[in-house]
């Protein structure tokens, strides 16, 4: 089988509707929550073209199931929800509010769909595919030092020894993060985890009938991981290693292999010729790929009360899983998915040639995950790396932590006195997004602030918030606060670019994707689907072109640099001073310190 179900993707698309507690009187209005801002580039526009009868409302939201459960508890749940990696154990409560999709028109491979079918034959989540995880190998180093690409674990161990002798680090990864700890722990032990005992324990864990780790199974897993650490030469230094440090060392040719995904494969291939390798077993028949399931879609059960709207939601759902939908969803995106539905086949890429037999034999293990597993594995794996314990002790430590975390409720760190809807209004904008922007401007201490609409992930509730839920109110990826003193004319140019589009990463195509401002209001003209900035007022008066203002831009570093370059030239970003902490961290710390968010203001008039 020379064709594999291979796809480039970025995370997962997530749709949601009915986020306002006021019921819409327009039956064709469906709010789509995209868990990643990149989904605003190609996938959201595709949906508007594929199902033109729908009045889409797009919000770049979160992927985490816990966030949607929090929304449900506060009386809001989207029409269509899409998350990335689905922790089966943690969706039980949420499933009670979702539709049964077992009779969907979309055709899936039964082997994959069986994993999402409960004992009553119900399917609440349709899986789009899995992200391929393995080892990214710098093929150039293997060729330079005459080291053979491994075919089994013995060959992997031999390759590591040869690189050590040559003064090259054979393997490194970022064990600062919980996901790297869990992925490696499971990846090194897949043959045991897919055994009858491993499968039985997994079913019990996911159904919440046990919070204990099977001793024999997981002690064996830590034995494998401990041997892996010794063979690769991993040390305590890996505990503080982050993504950027690993990227730089790999790019500089200092390390031969890293734990990575197809996304990493594309990133690292910019620097060297690379291939993706599997997790190796004792023989070639024991080699496996770790899959991180992604792109799960669910429908709100309340849609059943509105047959007309349900038909539209089903059309949107079906459009997502067509070859055209995958192409739009994955266009320009860095993550590779193996799709779970029929009819989406792509030629096997050369960089995946070492995985061909593994995929053809269907030796692909879907990651077992939960918040508790991630937290417990991080502590236990890091202790093993630090030499503070052995495999038996790591098992005991993880088992104890898992039981403690299973029944632990998150501590309330703040209570918001007022709630604000994320729904965009032409005569003022989104109240929730305005609250976030105004609060960030208060934190930065500047006169003006400009940010994309994706700075806010959904409505804010008059409710108790944990530290995690405070951070979930904003996007997860790399948003910082960048501050500079600029003229009024420069403020207008920055706002104009943000409104009218300056790059594929921030190109408004719907009302909900227009930028948010704080400290000034924008007047925007909409015509034939395009937007033009026609005026700016500050405190009710026209912006003064020659006056200097302190301005903060709250955005992801790449988007910020693209905006600053478009406005000021190649070195435009250099005049701004960025915060070390993420914007979401600053927001969460500010509110947790006892402060209430700033009130919303009308920041846009759309004509």
Protein backbone atom coordinates (compact mmCIF):
# COMPACT_ATOMS: atom_id res chain seq x y z
CA UNK A 1 0.00 0.00 0.00
CA UNK A 2 1.90 2.99 -1.30
CA UNK A 3 -0.73 5.50 -0.38
CA UNK A 4 -1.26 6.50 3.19
CA UNK A 5 -3.85 8.61 4.76
CA UNK A 6 -1.52 11.56 5.18
CA UNK A 7 -2.47 15.13 5.80
CA UNK A 8 -0.94 18.41 6.81
CA UNK A 9 -2.93 20.03 9.56
CA UNK A 10 -2.65 22.48 12.38
CA UNK A 11 -4.48 21.36 15.26
CA UNK A 12 -8.12 21.07 14.91
CA UNK A 13 -11.12 22.99 13.97
CA UNK A 14 -13.72 23.66 16.45
CA UNK A 15 -17.09 25.08 15.91
CA UNK A 16 -19.51 26.48 18.31
CA UNK A 17 -22.75 28.28 18.29
CA UNK A 18 -25.20 29.73 20.70
CA UNK A 19 -22.54 31.33 22.83
CA UNK A 20 -24.85 34.15 23.70
CA UNK A 21 -27.39 33.31 26.37
CA UNK A 22 -29.93 35.18 24.28
CA UNK A 23 -31.37 32.83 21.66
CA UNK A 24 -30.87 34.00 18.14
CA UNK A 25 -33.97 34.60 16.09
CA UNK A 26 -32.00 33.87 12.93
CA UNK A 27 -32.14 30.12 12.20
CA UNK A 28 -29.17 30.20 9.83
CA UNK A 29 -26.74 31.72 12.37
CA UNK A 30 -24.07 29.31 13.58
CA UNK A 31 -21.14 30.35 15.72
CA UNK A 32 -17.93 28.49 14.94
CA UNK A 33 -15.23 28.30 17.57
CA UNK A 34 -11.81 27.63 16.05
CA UNK A 35 -9.36 26.37 18.62
CA UNK A 36 -6.42 27.85 16.76
CA UNK A 37 -6.04 31.25 15.15
CA UNK A 38 -4.47 29.62 12.08
CA UNK A 39 -7.90 28.18 11.28
CA UNK A 40 -8.99 31.71 10.38
CA UNK A 41 -6.67 31.64 7.37
CA UNK A 42 -8.15 29.00 5.10
CA UNK A 43 -10.62 26.73 6.85
CA UNK A 44 -13.12 29.33 8.04
CA UNK A 45 -13.30 31.02 4.61
CA UNK A 46 -13.75 27.57 3.06
CA UNK A 47 -16.76 26.87 5.27
CA UNK A 48 -18.40 30.15 4.28
CA UNK A 49 -18.05 29.15 0.62
CA UNK A 50 -18.99 25.50 1.10
CA UNK A 51 -22.18 26.26 3.04
CA UNK A 52 -23.16 29.78 1.87
CA UNK A 53 -26.64 29.57 3.40
CA UNK A 54 -25.13 29.68 6.90
CA UNK A 55 -24.49 32.97 8.68
CA UNK A 56 -21.22 31.98 10.34
CA UNK A 57 -19.94 33.62 13.52
CA UNK A 58 -16.28 32.79 14.01
CA UNK A 59 -14.38 32.91 17.31
CA UNK A 60 -10.82 31.68 17.75
CA UNK A 61 -11.19 29.74 20.98
CA UNK A 62 -9.50 26.92 22.92
CA UNK A 63 -8.96 23.24 22.23
CA UNK A 64 -9.24 21.99 25.80
CA UNK A 65 -12.34 19.98 26.76
CA UNK A 66 -12.18 21.49 30.25
CA UNK A 67 -12.83 24.92 28.76
CA UNK A 68 -16.05 23.77 27.09
CA UNK A 69 -17.16 22.04 30.27
CA UNK A 70 -16.65 25.37 32.05
CA UNK A 71 -18.78 27.05 29.37
CA UNK A 72 -21.48 24.40 29.84
CA UNK A 73 -21.51 24.90 33.58
CA UNK A 74 -22.12 28.60 32.95
CA UNK A 75 -25.02 28.04 30.58
CA UNK A 76 -23.25 28.31 27.21
CA UNK A 77 -22.34 25.58 24.80
CA UNK A 78 -21.61 25.90 21.07
CA UNK A 79 -23.64 24.36 18.30
CA UNK A 80 -20.50 22.72 16.94
CA UNK A 81 -17.47 22.00 19.12
CA UNK A 82 -14.09 20.93 17.80
CA UNK A 83 -11.15 20.03 20.03
CA UNK A 84 -7.71 18.63 19.35
CA UNK A 85 -6.50 15.79 21.56
CA UNK A 86 -9.55 14.29 23.27
CA UNK A 87 -9.08 13.02 26.85
CA UNK A 88 -11.86 10.39 26.78
CA UNK A 89 -11.95 10.16 30.57
CA UNK A 90 -12.72 13.88 30.93
CA UNK A 91 -15.63 14.28 28.49
CA UNK A 92 -18.26 12.21 30.28
CA UNK A 93 -20.17 15.18 31.73
CA UNK A 94 -19.90 17.15 28.50
CA UNK A 95 -21.16 14.18 26.48
CA UNK A 96 -24.52 14.47 28.23
CA UNK A 97 -25.07 17.74 26.34
CA UNK A 98 -23.93 16.42 22.93
CA UNK A 99 -25.73 14.73 20.05
CA UNK A 100 -25.31 11.10 19.07
CA UNK A 101 -23.46 11.14 15.73
CA UNK A 102 -23.43 7.38 15.13
CA UNK A 103 -25.66 7.77 12.06
CA UNK A 104 -23.64 10.51 10.42
CA UNK A 105 -23.36 10.50 6.62
CA UNK A 106 -19.59 10.88 6.84
CA UNK A 107 -17.81 7.56 6.24
CA UNK A 108 -15.09 6.55 8.70
CA UNK A 109 -12.79 3.57 8.98
CA UNK A 110 -14.58 1.34 11.47
CA UNK A 111 -11.44 0.46 13.40
CA UNK A 112 -10.98 4.11 14.34
CA UNK A 113 -14.65 4.89 14.95
CA UNK A 114 -14.95 1.92 17.33
CA UNK A 115 -12.63 3.75 19.72
CA UNK A 116 -15.22 6.53 20.01
CA UNK A 117 -18.30 4.32 20.42
CA UNK A 118 -19.68 3.85 23.94
CA UNK A 119 -21.33 0.72 25.31
CA UNK A 120 -24.74 1.91 24.07
CA UNK A 121 -23.47 2.42 20.52
CA UNK A 122 -23.43 6.22 20.86
CA UNK A 123 -20.76 8.38 19.22
CA UNK A 124 -20.46 11.92 20.55
CA UNK A 125 -17.20 12.90 18.87
CA UNK A 126 -16.21 12.37 15.25
CA UNK A 127 -12.42 12.04 14.92
CA UNK A 128 -10.72 13.80 12.04
CA UNK A 129 -7.34 12.13 12.36
CA UNK A 130 -4.20 11.62 14.38
CA UNK A 131 -0.94 13.55 14.50
CA UNK A 132 2.08 11.34 13.85
CA UNK A 133 4.65 11.28 16.66
CA UNK A 134 8.08 9.66 16.57
CA UNK A 135 11.70 10.79 16.24
CA UNK A 136 12.87 13.49 13.83
CA UNK A 137 16.27 12.41 12.53
CA UNK A 138 18.90 14.68 10.97
CA UNK A 139 19.74 12.42 8.00
CA UNK A 140 22.72 14.60 7.10
CA UNK A 141 24.42 13.73 10.41
CA UNK A 142 23.72 10.03 9.91
CA UNK A 143 25.35 10.22 6.47
CA UNK A 144 28.25 12.40 7.63
CA UNK A 145 29.23 10.00 10.45
CA UNK A 146 28.36 6.84 8.50
CA UNK A 147 25.66 5.83 10.95
CA UNK A 148 22.87 3.62 9.65
CA UNK A 149 19.29 4.74 10.19
CA UNK A 150 17.97 2.33 12.82
CA UNK A 151 15.41 -0.35 11.97
CA UNK A 152 14.81 -1.65 15.50
CA UNK A 153 15.77 -0.74 19.07
CA UNK A 154 19.16 -2.49 18.86
CA UNK A 155 19.97 -0.35 15.81
CA UNK A 156 18.74 2.74 17.65
CA UNK A 157 20.99 1.99 20.62
CA UNK A 158 23.96 1.36 18.31
CA UNK A 159 23.36 4.66 16.49
CA UNK A 160 23.32 6.49 19.83
CA UNK A 161 26.67 4.95 20.82
CA UNK A 162 28.30 5.95 17.54
CA UNK A 163 27.10 9.55 17.85
CA UNK A 164 28.38 9.72 21.42
CA UNK A 165 31.81 8.54 20.22
CA UNK A 166 31.77 11.25 17.54
CA UNK A 167 30.91 13.96 20.08
CA UNK A 168 27.37 14.43 18.75
CA UNK A 169 24.36 14.31 21.07
CA UNK A 170 22.34 11.34 19.81
CA UNK A 171 19.00 12.51 21.19
CA UNK A 172 17.47 15.47 23.02
CA UNK A 173 14.01 16.76 23.76
CA UNK A 174 12.18 19.31 25.85
CA UNK A 175 11.31 17.52 29.11
CA UNK A 176 10.33 20.84 30.58
CA UNK A 177 6.84 20.09 29.23
CA UNK A 178 4.34 17.55 30.52
CA UNK A 179 3.41 16.34 27.04
CA UNK A 180 7.00 15.38 26.18
CA UNK A 181 7.21 13.40 29.43
CA UNK A 182 3.95 11.53 28.76
CA UNK A 183 4.58 11.00 25.03
CA UNK A 184 8.00 9.45 25.64
CA UNK A 185 6.77 7.32 28.53
CA UNK A 186 4.00 5.83 26.38
CA UNK A 187 5.96 5.77 23.12
CA UNK A 188 8.79 3.67 24.54
CA UNK A 189 6.30 1.06 25.83
CA UNK A 190 3.66 0.75 23.10
CA UNK A 191 3.99 -3.05 22.63
CA UNK A 192 3.15 -3.51 26.33
CA UNK A 193 0.38 -0.90 26.30
CA UNK A 194 -1.39 -2.58 23.37
CA UNK A 195 -1.26 -6.01 25.04
CA UNK A 196 -4.43 -7.58 26.42
CA UNK A 197 -3.53 -6.39 29.92
CA UNK A 198 -2.69 -2.90 28.69
CA UNK A 199 -5.87 -2.56 26.64
CA UNK A 200 -8.00 -3.83 29.55
CA UNK A 201 -6.44 -1.37 31.97
CA UNK A 202 -6.89 1.50 29.50
CA UNK A 203 -10.60 0.78 29.12
CA UNK A 204 -11.00 0.77 32.91
CA UNK A 205 -9.10 4.04 33.26
CA UNK A 206 -10.98 5.85 30.48
CA UNK A 207 -14.33 4.69 31.87
CA UNK A 208 -13.30 6.02 35.33
CA UNK A 209 -13.55 2.61 37.00
CA UNK A 210 -9.98 2.89 38.26
CA UNK A 211 -7.51 5.61 39.26
CA UNK A 212 -4.69 3.15 39.89
CA UNK A 213 -1.87 2.39 37.51
CA UNK A 214 -1.47 -1.32 36.84
CA UNK A 215 1.77 -2.11 38.69
CA UNK A 216 3.26 -4.64 36.28
CA UNK A 217 2.26 -2.67 33.20
CA UNK A 218 3.55 0.72 34.31
CA UNK A 219 6.64 -0.46 36.17
CA UNK A 220 7.56 -2.09 32.87
CA UNK A 221 6.90 1.21 31.08
CA UNK A 222 9.25 3.07 33.42
CA UNK A 223 11.85 0.30 33.02
CA UNK A 224 11.74 0.89 29.25
CA UNK A 225 11.98 4.66 29.71
CA UNK A 226 14.89 4.34 32.15
CA UNK A 227 16.78 2.19 29.63
CA UNK A 228 15.95 4.69 26.88
CA UNK A 229 17.38 7.54 28.98
CA UNK A 230 20.59 5.59 29.60
CA UNK A 231 21.01 4.57 25.96
CA UNK A 232 20.46 8.11 24.64
CA UNK A 233 22.53 9.81 27.33
CA UNK A 234 19.70 11.97 28.61
CA UNK A 235 20.61 13.89 31.78
CA UNK A 236 19.00 16.19 34.30
CA UNK A 237 19.65 19.13 31.94
CA UNK A 238 16.73 17.96 29.80
CA UNK A 239 14.31 19.02 32.57
CA UNK A 240 14.90 22.71 31.90
CA UNK A 241 15.12 22.32 28.13
CA UNK A 242 12.38 24.10 26.17
CA UNK A 243 11.30 23.95 22.54
CA UNK A 244 13.43 26.88 21.31
CA UNK A 245 16.63 25.56 22.87
CA UNK A 246 16.06 22.15 21.26
CA UNK A 247 15.28 23.76 17.92
CA UNK A 248 18.49 25.81 18.01
CA UNK A 249 20.68 22.82 18.90
CA UNK A 250 19.12 20.71 16.15
CA UNK A 251 19.48 23.52 13.62
CA UNK A 252 23.15 23.92 14.60
CA UNK A 253 23.80 20.22 13.93
CA UNK A 254 24.55 19.43 17.59
CA UNK A 255 21.94 16.68 17.98
CA UNK A 256 21.01 13.78 15.70
CA UNK A 257 17.44 13.03 16.83
CA UNK A 258 14.63 14.70 18.74
CA UNK A 259 11.22 13.54 19.87
CA UNK A 260 8.90 15.16 17.40
CA UNK A 261 5.79 15.23 15.29
CA UNK A 262 5.18 15.77 11.61
CA UNK A 263 4.89 19.44 12.51
CA UNK A 264 8.41 19.36 13.91
CA UNK A 265 9.52 17.42 10.84
CA UNK A 266 8.51 20.30 8.60
CA UNK A 267 10.05 22.89 10.90
CA UNK A 268 13.37 21.09 11.30
CA UNK A 269 13.54 20.20 7.61
CA UNK A 270 14.17 23.88 6.93
CA UNK A 271 17.65 23.36 8.36
CA UNK A 272 18.61 19.78 7.44
CA UNK A 273 17.43 16.80 5.43
CA UNK A 274 15.21 14.96 7.86
CA UNK A 275 13.10 11.84 8.23
CA UNK A 276 10.56 10.76 10.80
CA UNK A 277 11.35 7.52 12.63
CA UNK A 278 9.01 5.32 14.70
CA UNK A 279 9.29 4.28 18.34
CA UNK A 280 11.49 1.21 18.04
CA UNK A 281 10.76 -2.26 19.39
CA UNK A 282 12.93 -5.37 19.73
CA UNK A 283 12.21 -6.24 16.09
CA UNK A 284 10.94 -4.32 13.08
CA UNK A 285 7.52 -5.89 13.70
CA UNK A 286 7.48 -4.19 17.13
CA UNK A 287 8.02 -0.67 15.77
CA UNK A 288 5.08 1.65 16.42
CA UNK A 289 3.90 5.17 15.74
CA UNK A 290 2.38 7.20 18.54
CA UNK A 291 -0.70 9.07 17.32
CA UNK A 292 -2.00 12.16 19.04
CA UNK A 293 -5.68 12.15 18.04
CA UNK A 294 -6.77 15.54 16.76
CA UNK A 295 -9.65 17.33 15.09
CA UNK A 296 -12.61 15.94 17.06
CA UNK A 297 -16.02 17.43 16.25
CA UNK A 298 -19.23 17.35 18.32
CA UNK A 299 -22.69 18.92 17.99
CA UNK A 300 -24.72 20.54 20.74
CA UNK A 301 -27.75 18.40 21.63
CA UNK A 302 -29.90 21.55 21.75
CA UNK A 303 -29.76 21.59 17.95
CA UNK A 304 -32.32 18.79 18.02
CA UNK A 305 -34.87 21.37 19.18
CA UNK A 306 -34.33 23.40 16.01
CA UNK A 307 -34.63 21.09 12.96
CA UNK A 308 -33.81 23.82 10.42
CA UNK A 309 -30.65 24.84 12.22
CA UNK A 310 -29.71 21.19 12.79
CA UNK A 311 -29.78 20.53 9.04
CA UNK A 312 -27.40 23.42 8.48
CA UNK A 313 -25.09 22.25 11.26
CA UNK A 314 -25.00 18.78 9.71
CA UNK A 315 -24.10 20.30 6.33
CA UNK A 316 -21.24 22.16 8.01
CA UNK A 317 -20.13 18.94 9.70
CA UNK A 318 -20.14 17.01 6.44
CA UNK A 319 -18.26 19.81 4.65
CA UNK A 320 -15.45 19.50 7.20
CA UNK A 321 -14.74 15.87 6.33
CA UNK A 322 -14.70 16.12 2.54
CA UNK A 323 -11.36 16.04 0.68
CA UNK A 324 -11.92 19.76 -0.02
CA UNK A 325 -12.52 20.38 3.67
CA UNK A 326 -9.30 18.63 4.64
CA UNK A 327 -7.39 20.53 1.97
CA UNK A 328 -8.67 23.86 3.30
CA UNK A 329 -8.20 22.81 6.92
CA UNK A 330 -4.65 21.76 6.30
CA UNK A 331 -3.51 24.34 3.74
CA UNK A 332 -0.28 25.88 4.92
CA UNK A 333 -0.59 24.15 8.28
CA UNK A 334 2.40 22.40 9.80
CA UNK A 335 0.93 19.33 11.52
CA UNK A 336 0.52 15.99 9.74
CA UNK A 337 -2.62 13.99 10.35
CA UNK A 338 -3.52 10.48 9.37
CA UNK A 339 -7.22 11.04 8.62
CA UNK A 340 -9.76 8.59 9.99
CA UNK A 341 -12.44 9.01 7.33
CA UNK A 342 -12.51 7.42 3.89
CA UNK A 343 -11.79 9.27 0.68
CA UNK A 344 -8.87 11.41 1.90
CA UNK A 345 -5.71 9.77 0.52
CA UNK A 346 -2.38 11.40 -0.27
CA UNK A 347 0.84 10.01 -1.71
CA UNK A 348 3.30 8.82 0.88
CA UNK A 349 5.96 11.55 1.34
CA UNK A 350 9.65 10.72 1.17
CA UNK A 351 10.23 12.07 4.67
CA UNK A 352 7.86 9.34 5.93
CA UNK A 353 9.56 6.49 4.06
CA UNK A 354 10.83 4.89 7.31
CA UNK A 355 7.23 4.70 8.55
CA UNK A 356 5.64 3.10 5.50
CA UNK A 357 5.63 -0.49 6.76
CA UNK A 358 4.48 0.58 10.22
CA UNK A 359 1.50 2.46 8.82
CA UNK A 360 0.63 -0.29 6.34
CA UNK A 361 0.54 -2.75 9.25
CA UNK A 362 -1.63 -0.31 11.24
CA UNK A 363 0.82 -0.29 14.14
CA UNK A 364 -0.38 3.10 15.32
CA UNK A 365 -1.11 3.63 19.01
CA UNK A 366 -3.45 6.49 20.01
CA UNK A 367 -2.10 8.45 22.95
CA UNK A 368 -3.80 7.88 26.28
CA UNK A 369 -4.08 11.22 28.03
CA UNK A 370 -5.83 13.20 30.73
CA UNK A 371 -4.92 16.28 32.74
CA UNK A 372 -4.04 14.04 35.68
CA UNK A 373 -1.82 11.77 33.57
CA UNK A 374 0.00 14.75 32.11
CA UNK A 375 0.68 16.32 35.50
CA UNK A 376 1.65 13.07 37.20
CA UNK A 377 3.91 11.90 34.37
CA UNK A 378 5.76 15.22 34.30
CA UNK A 379 6.72 15.00 37.96
CA UNK A 380 7.60 11.30 37.79
CA UNK A 381 9.61 11.44 34.55
CA UNK A 382 11.52 14.50 35.71
CA UNK A 383 12.45 12.74 38.98
CA UNK A 384 13.69 9.79 36.93
CA UNK A 385 15.77 12.13 34.76
CA UNK A 386 17.19 13.84 37.82
CA UNK A 387 18.32 10.51 39.26
CA UNK A 388 16.10 10.97 42.32
CA UNK A 389 14.35 7.63 41.82
CA UNK A 390 14.40 4.42 39.78
CA UNK A 391 11.69 2.85 37.62
CA UNK A 392 9.91 1.28 40.59
CA UNK A 393 9.96 4.57 42.50
CA UNK A 394 8.77 6.49 39.44
CA UNK A 395 5.80 4.14 39.16
CA UNK A 396 4.96 4.55 42.86
CA UNK A 397 5.28 8.33 42.58
CA UNK A 398 3.07 8.57 39.48
CA UNK A 399 0.46 6.20 40.92
CA UNK A 400 0.20 8.25 44.13
CA UNK A 401 -0.03 11.54 42.25
CA UNK A 402 -2.64 10.17 39.86
CA UNK A 403 -4.93 9.15 42.70
CA UNK A 404 -4.45 12.49 44.45
CA UNK A 405 -5.19 14.48 41.29
CA UNK A 406 -8.19 12.39 40.24
CA UNK A 407 -10.46 13.71 43.00
CA UNK A 408 -8.85 17.11 43.43
CA UNK A 409 -10.91 20.18 42.59
CA UNK A 410 -9.15 23.25 41.24
CA UNK A 411 -8.77 26.10 43.67
CA UNK A 412 -10.77 29.26 43.04
CA UNK A 413 -8.38 32.19 42.67
CA UNK A 414 -10.81 34.89 41.52
CA UNK A 415 -14.51 35.66 41.17
CA UNK A 416 -15.68 37.88 38.33
CA UNK A 417 -18.55 40.07 39.44
CA UNK A 418 -19.93 40.64 35.94
CA UNK A 419 -20.25 38.54 32.81
CA UNK A 420 -19.70 39.73 29.23
CA UNK A 421 -20.73 38.14 25.93
CA UNK A 422 -18.22 37.49 23.16
CA UNK A 423 -20.90 38.15 20.51
CA UNK A 424 -19.82 40.92 18.12
CA UNK A 425 -22.13 43.91 17.66
CA UNK A 426 -21.65 46.34 14.72
CA UNK A 427 -22.22 49.34 16.97
CA UNK A 428 -19.57 48.61 19.57
CA UNK A 429 -17.79 45.31 19.01
CA UNK A 430 -17.48 42.33 21.35
CA UNK A 431 -17.93 43.21 25.04
CA UNK A 432 -15.79 40.30 26.29
CA UNK A 433 -12.99 41.09 23.85
CA UNK A 434 -13.13 44.74 24.87
CA UNK A 435 -12.83 43.75 28.54
CA UNK A 436 -9.68 41.75 27.79
CA UNK A 437 -8.18 44.58 25.72
CA UNK A 438 -8.97 47.29 28.28
CA UNK A 439 -7.52 45.19 31.09
CA UNK A 440 -4.32 44.48 29.15
CA UNK A 441 -3.97 48.22 28.49
CA UNK A 442 -4.37 48.87 32.22
CA UNK A 443 -1.66 46.29 32.92
CA UNK A 444 0.69 47.77 30.31
CA UNK A 445 0.08 51.34 31.51
CA UNK A 446 -0.15 52.75 27.99
CA UNK A 447 -2.60 55.15 26.36
CA UNK A 448 -3.65 52.90 23.48
CA UNK A 449 -3.78 49.18 22.70
CA UNK A 450 -4.39 47.20 19.51
CA UNK A 451 -4.99 43.44 19.31
CA UNK A 452 -6.59 40.82 17.06
CA UNK A 453 -10.06 39.59 17.96
CA UNK A 454 -8.50 36.21 18.79
CA UNK A 455 -7.03 37.71 21.96
CA UNK A 456 -10.31 36.63 23.58
CA UNK A 457 -11.46 33.00 23.41
CA UNK A 458 -15.11 33.38 24.44
CA UNK A 459 -17.54 34.95 26.83
CA UNK A 460 -16.50 35.96 30.33
CA UNK A 461 -18.79 34.75 33.13
CA UNK A 462 -19.90 36.13 36.47
CA UNK A 463 -18.43 33.06 38.16
CA UNK A 464 -15.59 31.60 40.18
CA UNK A 465 -12.38 31.10 38.18
CA UNK A 466 -9.40 28.83 38.76
CA UNK A 467 -5.97 29.93 37.61
CA UNK A 468 -6.29 27.65 34.60
CA UNK A 469 -9.70 29.01 33.55
CA UNK A 470 -8.42 32.57 33.84
CA UNK A 471 -5.66 31.72 31.39
CA UNK A 472 -8.13 29.91 29.15
CA UNK A 473 -9.90 33.23 28.60
CA UNK A 474 -7.07 34.06 26.19
CA UNK A 475 -5.24 32.22 23.41
CA UNK A 476 -2.50 29.82 24.45
CA UNK A 477 0.12 30.50 21.81
CA UNK A 478 2.80 33.07 22.37
CA UNK A 479 0.89 36.35 22.80
CA UNK A 480 3.00 39.08 24.40
CA UNK A 481 2.58 42.82 24.96
CA UNK A 482 4.75 44.99 22.68
CA UNK A 483 4.99 48.68 23.57
CA UNK A 484 6.36 51.72 21.77
CA UNK A 485 5.81 55.48 21.47
CA UNK A 486 4.33 56.32 18.07
CA UNK A 487 2.69 59.24 16.30
CA UNK A 488 -1.03 59.49 15.62
CA UNK A 489 -0.34 58.92 11.94
CA UNK A 490 1.49 55.71 12.80
CA UNK A 491 -1.38 54.60 15.05
CA UNK A 492 -3.75 55.05 12.11
CA UNK A 493 -1.49 53.06 9.79
CA UNK A 494 -1.20 50.17 12.26
CA UNK A 495 -4.97 50.12 12.81
CA UNK A 496 -5.62 50.38 9.07
CA UNK A 497 -3.45 47.37 8.36
CA UNK A 498 -5.13 45.39 11.15
CA UNK A 499 -8.60 46.25 9.79
CA UNK A 500 -7.88 45.86 6.08
CA UNK A 501 -5.39 42.98 6.31
CA UNK A 502 -1.61 42.87 6.21
CA UNK A 503 -0.76 39.18 6.15
CA UNK A 504 -2.46 35.82 5.78
CA UNK A 505 -2.19 35.34 9.53
CA UNK A 506 -4.34 38.39 10.29
CA UNK A 507 -6.64 39.13 7.39
CA UNK A 508 -10.19 40.00 8.60
CA UNK A 509 -12.84 38.32 6.45
CA UNK A 510 -15.84 38.57 8.79
CA UNK A 511 -17.08 41.03 11.40
CA UNK A 512 -15.93 38.77 14.23
CA UNK A 513 -12.35 38.76 12.93
CA UNK A 514 -11.93 42.54 13.01
CA UNK A 515 -9.31 43.79 15.50
CA UNK A 516 -10.06 45.18 18.94
CA UNK A 517 -8.76 48.50 20.25
CA UNK A 518 -8.54 50.08 23.68
CA UNK A 519 -8.14 53.79 24.33
CA UNK A 520 -9.42 54.65 20.87
CA UNK A 521 -12.41 53.82 18.69
CA UNK A 522 -12.33 52.81 15.02
CA UNK A 523 -14.86 53.67 12.35
CA UNK A 524 -14.95 50.97 9.66
CA UNK A 525 -16.76 50.84 6.33
CA UNK A 526 -17.85 47.42 5.07
CA UNK A 527 -18.54 46.94 1.38
CA UNK A 528 -18.67 43.79 -0.74
CA UNK A 529 -17.00 41.76 1.99
CA UNK A 530 -14.02 44.10 2.44
CA UNK A 531 -13.25 46.47 5.30
CA UNK A 532 -11.82 49.99 5.19
CA UNK A 533 -10.75 52.06 8.19
CA UNK A 534 -12.31 55.52 7.75
CA UNK A 535 -11.55 57.21 11.06
CA UNK A 536 -10.19 57.00 14.60
CA UNK A 537 -11.26 58.91 17.68
CA UNK A 538 -9.50 59.19 21.02
CA UNK A 539 -11.70 60.23 23.94
CA UNK A 540 -14.37 61.31 21.49
CA UNK A 541 -12.03 63.55 19.47
CA UNK A 542 -10.25 62.92 16.16
CA UNK A 543 -6.85 61.26 16.35
CA UNK A 544 -4.05 63.87 16.20
CA UNK A 545 -1.59 62.81 13.51
CA UNK A 546 1.43 64.63 14.95
CA UNK A 547 0.85 63.87 18.62
CA UNK A 548 2.86 61.03 20.17
CA UNK A 549 1.05 58.23 21.96
CA UNK A 550 2.23 55.21 23.95
CA UNK A 551 0.83 52.16 22.17
CA UNK A 552 0.77 48.47 23.05
CA UNK A 553 0.22 45.71 20.51
CA UNK A 554 -0.99 42.44 22.07
CA UNK A 555 -0.37 39.57 19.67
CA UNK A 556 1.65 36.51 18.80
CA UNK A 557 5.26 37.39 18.04
CA UNK A 558 5.05 36.36 14.37
CA UNK A 559 1.85 38.33 13.75
CA UNK A 560 3.23 41.33 15.63
CA UNK A 561 6.43 41.31 13.58
CA UNK A 562 4.48 41.04 10.35
CA UNK A 563 2.33 44.03 11.35
CA UNK A 564 5.28 46.14 12.51
CA UNK A 565 7.19 45.34 9.32
CA UNK A 566 4.22 46.24 7.13
CA UNK A 567 3.81 49.56 8.96
CA UNK A 568 7.41 50.64 9.61
CA UNK A 569 9.67 48.60 7.35
CA UNK A 570 12.06 45.72 7.87
CA UNK A 571 13.28 46.81 11.33
CA UNK A 572 9.89 48.06 12.48
CA UNK A 573 9.53 45.56 15.31
CA UNK A 574 12.86 46.53 16.88
CA UNK A 575 11.52 49.80 18.30
CA UNK A 576 8.97 47.92 20.44
CA UNK A 577 9.72 46.50 23.87
CA UNK A 578 8.04 43.15 24.53
CA UNK A 579 7.09 41.55 27.83
CA UNK A 580 8.81 38.35 28.93
CA UNK A 581 5.58 36.88 30.24
CA UNK A 582 2.70 35.87 28.00
CA UNK A 583 -0.23 38.24 27.86
CA UNK A 584 -2.54 35.51 29.21
CA UNK A 585 -0.23 35.05 32.23
CA UNK A 586 -0.22 38.79 32.97
CA UNK A 587 -4.02 38.87 32.68
CA UNK A 588 -4.48 35.85 34.97
CA UNK A 589 -2.04 37.16 37.58
CA UNK A 590 -3.72 40.58 37.57
CA UNK A 591 -7.19 39.15 38.16
CA UNK A 592 -5.98 36.55 40.68
CA UNK A 593 -4.38 39.40 42.67
CA UNK A 594 -7.87 40.67 43.50
CA UNK A 595 -8.53 43.04 40.62
CA UNK A 596 -11.73 43.05 38.59
CA UNK A 597 -11.46 43.35 34.80
CA UNK A 598 -11.90 46.75 33.21
CA UNK A 599 -15.38 47.55 31.88
CA UNK A 600 -15.98 47.17 28.12
CA UNK A 601 -16.08 50.17 25.81
CA UNK A 602 -17.41 50.67 22.29
CA UNK A 603 -14.26 50.27 20.24
CA UNK A 604 -15.69 49.95 16.72
CA UNK A 605 -18.50 51.37 14.62
CA UNK A 606 -19.13 49.20 11.56
CA UNK A 607 -21.07 50.89 8.79
